[in-house]
Protein backbone atom coordinates (compact mmCIF):
# COMPACT_ATOMS: atom_id res chain seq x y z
CA MET A 1 21.48 -11.51 8.80
CA ASP A 2 18.63 -13.97 8.65
CA ALA A 3 15.13 -13.08 9.76
CA VAL A 4 14.35 -13.56 13.43
CA ARG A 5 11.02 -15.11 14.38
CA VAL A 6 9.71 -14.33 17.84
CA ASN A 7 6.47 -15.69 19.22
CA ALA A 8 4.94 -13.52 21.92
CA THR A 9 1.66 -13.08 23.74
CA ILE A 10 -0.04 -9.70 24.05
CA GLU A 11 -0.37 -9.11 27.79
CA LYS A 12 -1.98 -5.65 27.57
CA ASP A 13 -4.16 -4.31 24.73
CA GLY A 14 -2.06 -2.58 22.10
CA GLU A 15 1.29 -3.24 23.77
CA LEU A 16 4.10 -5.69 23.11
CA SER A 17 7.42 -6.09 24.87
CA ILE A 18 10.22 -8.03 23.19
CA SER A 19 13.70 -8.59 24.60
CA GLY A 20 16.71 -10.72 23.78
CA LEU A 21 16.89 -9.72 20.10
CA PRO A 22 20.26 -10.13 18.32
CA PHE A 23 20.43 -6.46 17.26
CA LYS A 24 22.62 -3.66 18.55
CA LYS A 25 21.73 -0.10 19.50
CA GLY A 26 21.42 2.09 16.42
CA GLU A 27 20.74 -0.77 13.98
CA GLN A 28 17.62 -0.30 11.88
CA ILE A 29 15.16 -3.16 11.65
CA GLN A 30 11.75 -3.72 10.12
CA LEU A 31 9.09 -5.29 12.29
CA ILE A 32 6.09 -7.10 10.81
CA ILE A 33 3.54 -8.37 13.32
CA MET A 34 0.96 -10.97 12.32
CA PRO A 35 -1.41 -13.00 14.47
CA VAL A 36 -0.49 -16.69 14.71
CA GLY A 37 -2.77 -18.89 12.64
CA GLU A 38 -3.65 -16.14 10.17
CA GLY A 39 -1.78 -17.60 7.21
CA LEU A 40 1.84 -17.04 8.11
CA VAL A 41 4.38 -17.95 5.45
CA GLY A 42 5.27 -21.62 5.87
CA GLU A 43 1.80 -22.73 6.91
CA LYS A 44 0.05 -25.11 4.55
CA THR A 45 -3.13 -23.02 4.44
CA LEU A 46 -1.78 -19.73 3.03
CA THR A 47 -4.28 -18.41 0.51
CA ALA A 48 -3.94 -15.58 -2.02
CA ARG A 49 -6.30 -13.50 0.08
CA MET A 50 -4.20 -14.04 3.21
CA LEU A 51 -1.07 -13.08 1.28
CA ARG A 52 -2.73 -9.88 -0.04
CA GLU A 53 -3.83 -8.94 3.48
CA SER A 54 -0.49 -9.82 5.11
CA GLY A 55 1.21 -6.54 4.27
CA LEU A 56 4.00 -8.35 2.41
CA ILE A 57 2.83 -7.25 -1.03
CA GLY A 58 4.35 -3.87 -1.74
CA ILE A 59 6.85 -4.12 1.09
CA TRP A 60 9.66 -2.87 -1.21
CA LYS A 61 7.73 0.04 -2.75
CA ASP A 62 9.51 2.75 -0.74
CA ARG A 63 13.01 1.24 -0.98
CA THR A 64 15.35 3.63 -2.77
CA ASP A 65 18.07 1.01 -3.22
CA ILE A 66 15.88 -1.23 -5.43
CA ASP A 67 15.28 0.21 -8.89
CA ASP A 68 13.39 -2.74 -10.38
CA SER A 69 11.61 -4.87 -7.77
CA SER A 70 10.81 -7.65 -10.28
CA ALA A 71 14.47 -7.97 -11.26
CA TYR A 72 15.49 -7.85 -7.60
CA ALA A 73 13.01 -10.60 -6.67
CA ARG A 74 14.24 -12.71 -9.60
CA GLN A 75 17.83 -12.27 -8.42
CA LEU A 76 16.89 -13.34 -4.87
CA ARG A 77 15.08 -16.45 -6.18
CA GLU A 78 18.09 -17.40 -8.32
CA GLN A 79 20.45 -16.97 -5.37
CA ALA A 80 18.19 -19.10 -3.17
CA GLN A 81 18.06 -21.86 -5.81
CA ARG A 82 21.85 -21.93 -6.09
CA ARG A 83 22.22 -22.19 -2.30
CA SER A 84 19.84 -25.15 -2.00
CA ARG A 85 21.77 -27.36 -4.43
């Protein structure tokens, strides 16, 4: 399944309510929350510092199904390049 992007506004400090997601009970998901305008992927102003602070670097470190993260990333890039042709 593709990633789902949801824009929401924090109504109460430290709390967020999201509904209408395309996931079923019991499915496991990973949720990454970033403030809008803080260098989200796809924005023209993403800097190396913003990327380092985003939490994306090292996101695969605890995955037991990925033996070699560099090889896995290479495979994903190659698949993406074949799809875009």
